[in-house]
Amino acid sequence: MTPGQEGFSKGWIITPGTPAQLGAFGLFRPSASQERVLTPTTHGITVKAADDLLWIGFAELCGGPTSTADYESLAGDFKAWVVDGVPSPNRESSIGSAAAWQRFTNVVDVLCEQDITLFLIGHGPLDWEPAQDPVHRSDIQPVDLARIASRLSPLGRVEASAPFEDAETWGS
């Protein structure tokens, strides 16, 4: 991380993303009426909300033909991002293909470099440390997982088992 960055390091990894967890950060799942199609470069990307922050699903952000230029353009317009539906990196998932994880790596690189606050929301464990167990994803290279883990290390973590006693300090 570049010295002086503060936006990216204010981000959080949240599992499973309950209303109470999200509400502690002032985040509320967008309604269907907030959905929009943005065209950062040459093709449209469906987002769940694009007001004060960009709220987008992992599948929409990383599962299609998006590029680094798309992420850079969107980062210029939104200083806070919420990416929900992030699959567990160490489990099989149709939306977590090798190409999707490469795009995700590109997203994280852009957001880190441009100091964009990032909230990641997923149902399962969001741990990018390369696993040594049999369920380890064979289609994601360990170096990719290590790179993602390194980039995301400044982000806080909130998990279902974590107490909410200090919830008022999470968003600060």
C-alpha atoms as a PDB file:
ATOM      1  CA  MET A   1       0.000   0.000   0.000  1.00  0.00           C
ATOM      2  CA  THR A   2       1.241   3.463  -0.854  1.00  0.00           C
ATOM      3  CA  PRO A   3       2.136   5.673   2.145  1.00  0.00           C
ATOM      4  CA  GLY A   4      -0.664   8.064   3.039  1.00  0.00           C
ATOM      5  CA  GLN A   5      -3.484   5.812   1.835  1.00  0.00           C
ATOM      6  CA  GLU A   6      -6.436   5.796   4.153  1.00  0.00           C
ATOM      7  CA  GLY A   7      -9.513   4.955   2.075  1.00  0.00           C
ATOM      8  CA  PHE A   8      -8.648   1.388   1.147  1.00  0.00           C
ATOM      9  CA  SER A   9      -7.543   0.472   4.665  1.00  0.00           C
ATOM     10  CA  LYS A  10     -10.961   1.582   6.000  1.00  0.00           C
ATOM     11  CA  GLY A  11     -12.588  -1.309   4.147  1.00  0.00           C
ATOM     12  CA  TRP A  12     -13.986  -4.488   5.662  1.00  0.00           C
ATOM     13  CA  ILE A  13     -14.505  -8.138   4.786  1.00  0.00           C
ATOM     14  CA  ILE A  14     -17.936  -9.120   6.116  1.00  0.00           C
ATOM     15  CA  THR A  15     -19.372 -12.639   6.436  1.00  0.00           C
ATOM     16  CA  PRO A  16     -22.136 -13.569   6.088  1.00  0.00           C
ATOM     17  CA  GLY A  17     -23.427 -10.013   5.658  1.00  0.00           C
ATOM     18  CA  THR A  18     -26.388  -9.973   8.019  1.00  0.00           C
ATOM     19  CA  PRO A  19     -28.474  -6.789   8.248  1.00  0.00           C
ATOM     20  CA  ALA A  20     -26.954  -6.117  11.694  1.00  0.00           C
ATOM     21  CA  GLN A  21     -23.399  -6.505  10.356  1.00  0.00           C
ATOM     22  CA  LEU A  22     -24.061  -4.217   7.395  1.00  0.00           C
ATOM     23  CA  GLY A  23     -26.019  -1.712   9.468  1.00  0.00           C
ATOM     24  CA  ALA A  24     -23.010  -1.282  11.768  1.00  0.00           C
ATOM     25  CA  PHE A  25     -21.269   0.321   8.775  1.00  0.00           C
ATOM     26  CA  GLY A  26     -24.291   2.278   7.575  1.00  0.00           C
ATOM     27  CA  LEU A  27     -24.780  -0.185   4.710  1.00  0.00           C
ATOM     28  CA  PHE A  28     -28.224  -1.383   3.673  1.00  0.00           C
ATOM     29  CA  ARG A  29     -28.854  -3.774   0.812  1.00  0.00           C
ATOM     30  CA  PRO A  30     -30.151  -1.855  -2.191  1.00  0.00           C
ATOM     31  CA  SER A  31     -33.694  -2.347  -3.423  1.00  0.00           C
ATOM     32  CA  ALA A  32     -34.365  -3.601  -6.934  1.00  0.00           C
ATOM     33  CA  SER A  33     -35.397  -0.067  -7.955  1.00  0.00           C
ATOM     34  CA  GLN A  34     -31.826   1.143  -7.362  1.00  0.00           C
ATOM     35  CA  GLU A  35     -30.383  -1.207 -10.013  1.00  0.00           C
ATOM     36  CA  ARG A  36     -28.680   0.558 -12.911  1.00  0.00           C
ATOM     37  CA  VAL A  37     -26.558  -0.257 -15.910  1.00  0.00           C
ATOM     38  CA  LEU A  38     -23.285   1.657 -16.050  1.00  0.00           C
ATOM     39  CA  THR A  39     -21.060   1.820 -19.103  1.00  0.00           C
ATOM     40  CA  PRO A  40     -17.584   2.649 -17.835  1.00  0.00           C
ATOM     41  CA  THR A  41     -15.882   1.848 -21.165  1.00  0.00           C
ATOM     42  CA  THR A  42     -17.472  -0.052 -24.032  1.00  0.00           C
ATOM     43  CA  HIS A  43     -20.084  -2.369 -22.494  1.00  0.00           C
ATOM     44  CA  GLY A  44     -22.714  -2.155 -19.765  1.00  0.00           C
ATOM     45  CA  ILE A  45     -22.322  -3.542 -16.259  1.00  0.00           C
ATOM     46  CA  THR A  46     -25.389  -4.052 -14.077  1.00  0.00           C
ATOM     47  CA  VAL A  47     -24.908  -2.637 -10.578  1.00  0.00           C
ATOM     48  CA  LYS A  48     -27.223  -2.852  -7.569  1.00  0.00           C
ATOM     49  CA  ALA A  49     -26.736   0.810  -6.623  1.00  0.00           C
ATOM     50  CA  ALA A  50     -24.600   3.697  -7.820  1.00  0.00           C
ATOM     51  CA  ASP A  51     -25.230   6.702  -5.609  1.00  0.00           C
ATOM     52  CA  ASP A  52     -22.781   7.668  -2.862  1.00  0.00           C
ATOM     53  CA  LEU A  53     -21.121   4.300  -3.325  1.00  0.00           C
ATOM     54  CA  LEU A  54     -21.007   1.575  -5.931  1.00  0.00           C
ATOM     55  CA  TRP A  55     -22.765  -1.652  -4.869  1.00  0.00           C
ATOM     56  CA  ILE A  56     -22.196  -4.546  -7.242  1.00  0.00           C
ATOM     57  CA  GLY A  57     -22.299  -8.328  -7.174  1.00  0.00           C
ATOM     58  CA  PHE A  58     -19.154 -10.407  -7.637  1.00  0.00           C
ATOM     59  CA  ALA A  59     -20.722 -12.202 -10.623  1.00  0.00           C
ATOM     60  CA  GLU A  60     -21.494  -8.919 -12.403  1.00  0.00           C
ATOM     61  CA  LEU A  61     -18.100  -7.403 -11.598  1.00  0.00           C
ATOM     62  CA  CYS A  62     -15.856 -10.385 -12.278  1.00  0.00           C
ATOM     63  CA  GLY A  63     -17.927 -12.987 -14.118  1.00  0.00           C
ATOM     64  CA  GLY A  64     -18.222 -11.200 -17.447  1.00  0.00           C
ATOM     65  CA  PRO A  65     -16.043  -9.385 -19.960  1.00  0.00           C
ATOM     66  CA  THR A  66     -14.921  -6.570 -17.653  1.00  0.00           C
ATOM     67  CA  SER A  67     -11.422  -5.152 -17.859  1.00  0.00           C
ATOM     68  CA  THR A  68      -8.973  -3.140 -15.817  1.00  0.00           C
ATOM     69  CA  ALA A  69     -10.066  -0.067 -17.809  1.00  0.00           C
ATOM     70  CA  ASP A  70     -13.647  -0.630 -16.563  1.00  0.00           C
ATOM     71  CA  TYR A  71     -12.452  -0.816 -12.953  1.00  0.00           C
ATOM     72  CA  GLU A  72     -10.299   2.295 -13.330  1.00  0.00           C
ATOM     73  CA  SER A  73     -13.195   4.248 -14.826  1.00  0.00           C
ATOM     74  CA  LEU A  74     -15.588   3.192 -12.059  1.00  0.00           C
ATOM     75  CA  ALA A  75     -12.960   3.973  -9.408  1.00  0.00           C
ATOM     76  CA  GLY A  76     -12.808   7.513 -10.763  1.00  0.00           C
ATOM     77  CA  ASP A  77     -16.540   7.908 -10.094  1.00  0.00           C
ATOM     78  CA  PHE A  78     -17.006   6.055  -6.777  1.00  0.00           C
ATOM     79  CA  LYS A  79     -14.758   6.374  -3.714  1.00  0.00           C
ATOM     80  CA  ALA A  80     -16.456   3.500  -1.874  1.00  0.00           C
ATOM     81  CA  TRP A  81     -17.402   0.083  -3.263  1.00  0.00           C
ATOM     82  CA  VAL A  82     -19.456  -2.801  -1.901  1.00  0.00           C
ATOM     83  CA  VAL A  83     -18.970  -6.143  -3.638  1.00  0.00           C
ATOM     84  CA  ASP A  84     -21.425  -8.765  -2.418  1.00  0.00           C
ATOM     85  CA  GLY A  85     -21.882 -12.399  -3.314  1.00  0.00           C
ATOM     86  CA  VAL A  86     -18.117 -12.992  -3.090  1.00  0.00           C
ATOM     87  CA  PRO A  87     -17.638 -16.760  -3.239  1.00  0.00           C
ATOM     88  CA  SER A  88     -15.395 -18.534  -0.787  1.00  0.00           C
ATOM     89  CA  PRO A  89     -12.009 -18.675  -2.541  1.00  0.00           C
ATOM     90  CA  ASN A  90     -11.191 -22.141  -1.227  1.00  0.00           C
ATOM     91  CA  ARG A  91     -14.434 -23.780  -2.345  1.00  0.00           C
ATOM     92  CA  GLU A  92     -15.739 -24.763  -5.757  1.00  0.00           C
ATOM     93  CA  SER A  93     -18.030 -22.160  -7.295  1.00  0.00           C
ATOM     94  CA  SER A  94     -19.343 -21.609 -10.789  1.00  0.00           C
ATOM     95  CA  ILE A  95     -18.915 -17.826 -10.429  1.00  0.00           C
ATOM     96  CA  GLY A  96     -15.475 -18.187  -8.911  1.00  0.00           C
ATOM     97  CA  SER A  97     -13.713 -19.422 -12.048  1.00  0.00           C
ATOM     98  CA  ALA A  98     -10.016 -18.799 -12.663  1.00  0.00           C
ATOM     99  CA  ALA A  99     -10.884 -15.935 -15.045  1.00  0.00           C
ATOM    100  CA  ALA A 100     -13.224 -14.387 -12.456  1.00  0.00           C
ATOM    101  CA  TRP A 101     -10.520 -14.582  -9.778  1.00  0.00           C
ATOM    102  CA  GLN A 102      -8.033 -12.937 -12.136  1.00  0.00           C
ATOM    103  CA  ARG A 103     -10.520 -10.108 -12.693  1.00  0.00           C
ATOM    104  CA  PHE A 104     -11.029  -9.892  -8.940  1.00  0.00           C
ATOM    105  CA  THR A 105      -7.260  -9.560  -8.490  1.00  0.00           C
ATOM    106  CA  ASN A 106      -7.327  -6.701 -11.008  1.00  0.00           C
ATOM    107  CA  VAL A 107     -10.234  -5.033  -9.165  1.00  0.00           C
ATOM    108  CA  VAL A 108      -8.405  -5.235  -5.833  1.00  0.00           C
ATOM    109  CA  ASP A 109      -5.212  -3.873  -7.410  1.00  0.00           C
ATOM    110  CA  VAL A 110      -7.059  -0.869  -8.901  1.00  0.00           C
ATOM    111  CA  LEU A 111      -8.981  -0.108  -5.709  1.00  0.00           C
ATOM    112  CA  CYS A 112      -5.876  -0.399  -3.550  1.00  0.00           C
ATOM    113  CA  GLU A 113      -3.817   1.811  -5.864  1.00  0.00           C
ATOM    114  CA  GLN A 114      -6.583   4.438  -6.115  1.00  0.00           C
ATOM    115  CA  ASP A 115      -7.266   4.282  -2.350  1.00  0.00           C
ATOM    116  CA  ILE A 116     -10.946   3.317  -2.715  1.00  0.00           C
ATOM    117  CA  THR A 117     -12.780   2.019   0.370  1.00  0.00           C
ATOM    118  CA  LEU A 118     -13.861  -1.581  -0.265  1.00  0.00           C
ATOM    119  CA  PHE A 119     -16.437  -3.717   1.534  1.00  0.00           C
ATOM    120  CA  LEU A 120     -16.493  -7.397   0.551  1.00  0.00           C
ATOM    121  CA  ILE A 121     -19.528  -9.457   1.537  1.00  0.00           C
ATOM    122  CA  GLY A 122     -19.734 -13.237   1.220  1.00  0.00           C
ATOM    123  CA  HIS A 123     -21.631 -16.124   2.779  1.00  0.00           C
ATOM    124  CA  GLY A 124     -18.704 -18.467   3.367  1.00  0.00           C
ATOM    125  CA  PRO A 125     -15.234 -17.933   4.713  1.00  0.00           C
ATOM    126  CA  LEU A 126     -13.404 -15.255   2.727  1.00  0.00           C
ATOM    127  CA  ASP A 127      -9.839 -16.338   3.350  1.00  0.00           C
ATOM    128  CA  TRP A 128      -7.356 -15.927   0.529  1.00  0.00           C
ATOM    129  CA  GLU A 129      -4.418 -17.571   2.251  1.00  0.00           C
ATOM    130  CA  PRO A 130      -3.408 -20.560   0.099  1.00  0.00           C
ATOM    131  CA  ALA A 131      -4.902 -23.642   1.742  1.00  0.00           C
ATOM    132  CA  GLN A 132      -3.124 -26.924   2.176  1.00  0.00           C
ATOM    133  CA  ASP A 133      -6.262 -29.042   2.493  1.00  0.00           C
ATOM    134  CA  PRO A 134      -8.048 -31.197  -0.124  1.00  0.00           C
ATOM    135  CA  VAL A 135     -10.826 -28.643  -0.813  1.00  0.00           C
ATOM    136  CA  HIS A 136      -8.271 -26.102  -2.042  1.00  0.00           C
ATOM    137  CA  ARG A 137      -9.210 -24.644  -5.397  1.00  0.00           C
ATOM    138  CA  SER A 138      -6.951 -26.170  -8.036  1.00  0.00           C
ATOM    139  CA  ASP A 139      -7.936 -23.579 -10.675  1.00  0.00           C
ATOM    140  CA  ILE A 140      -6.624 -20.617  -8.674  1.00  0.00           C
ATOM    141  CA  GLN A 141      -2.876 -20.354  -8.608  1.00  0.00           C
ATOM    142  CA  PRO A 142      -1.413 -20.056  -5.082  1.00  0.00           C
ATOM    143  CA  VAL A 143       0.460 -16.922  -6.143  1.00  0.00           C
ATOM    144  CA  ASP A 144      -2.887 -15.291  -7.044  1.00  0.00           C
ATOM    145  CA  LEU A 145      -4.327 -16.171  -3.645  1.00  0.00           C
ATOM    146  CA  ALA A 146      -1.211 -14.865  -1.926  1.00  0.00           C
ATOM    147  CA  ARG A 147      -1.411 -11.606  -3.910  1.00  0.00           C
ATOM    148  CA  ILE A 148      -5.092 -11.132  -3.032  1.00  0.00           C
ATOM    149  CA  ALA A 149      -4.410 -11.964   0.632  1.00  0.00           C
ATOM    150  CA  SER A 150      -1.561  -9.454   0.736  1.00  0.00           C
ATOM    151  CA  ARG A 151      -3.609  -6.661  -0.853  1.00  0.00           C
ATOM    152  CA  LEU A 152      -6.610  -7.296   1.409  1.00  0.00           C
ATOM    153  CA  SER A 153      -4.599  -7.621   4.640  1.00  0.00           C
ATOM    154  CA  PRO A 154      -5.269  -3.986   5.740  1.00  0.00           C
ATOM    155  CA  LEU A 155      -9.043  -4.565   5.671  1.00  0.00           C
ATOM    156  CA  GLY A 156     -10.874  -5.352   8.891  1.00  0.00           C
ATOM    157  CA  ARG A 157     -12.888  -8.523   9.277  1.00  0.00           C
ATOM    158  CA  VAL A 158     -16.343  -9.103  10.699  1.00  0.00           C
ATOM    159  CA  GLU A 159     -17.625 -12.652  10.897  1.00  0.00           C
ATOM    160  CA  ALA A 160     -20.877 -14.107  12.203  1.00  0.00           C
ATOM    161  CA  SER A 161     -19.157 -15.339  15.345  1.00  0.00           C
ATOM    162  CA  ALA A 162     -17.638 -11.912  16.115  1.00  0.00           C
ATOM    163  CA  PRO A 163     -19.324  -9.903  18.875  1.00  0.00           C
ATOM    164  CA  PHE A 164     -20.990  -6.613  18.023  1.00  0.00           C
ATOM    165  CA  GLU A 165     -19.923  -4.827  21.228  1.00  0.00           C
ATOM    166  CA  ASP A 166     -17.726  -2.365  19.332  1.00  0.00           C
ATOM    167  CA  ALA A 167     -19.972  -1.999  16.283  1.00  0.00           C
ATOM    168  CA  GLU A 168     -20.081   1.781  16.575  1.00  0.00           C
ATOM    169  CA  THR A 169     -16.319   1.947  15.973  1.00  0.00           C
ATOM    170  CA  TRP A 170     -16.351  -0.288  12.867  1.00  0.00           C
ATOM    171  CA  GLY A 171     -17.368   2.414  10.456  1.00  0.00           C
ATOM    172  CA  SER A 172     -14.914   4.988  11.802  1.00  0.00           C
END
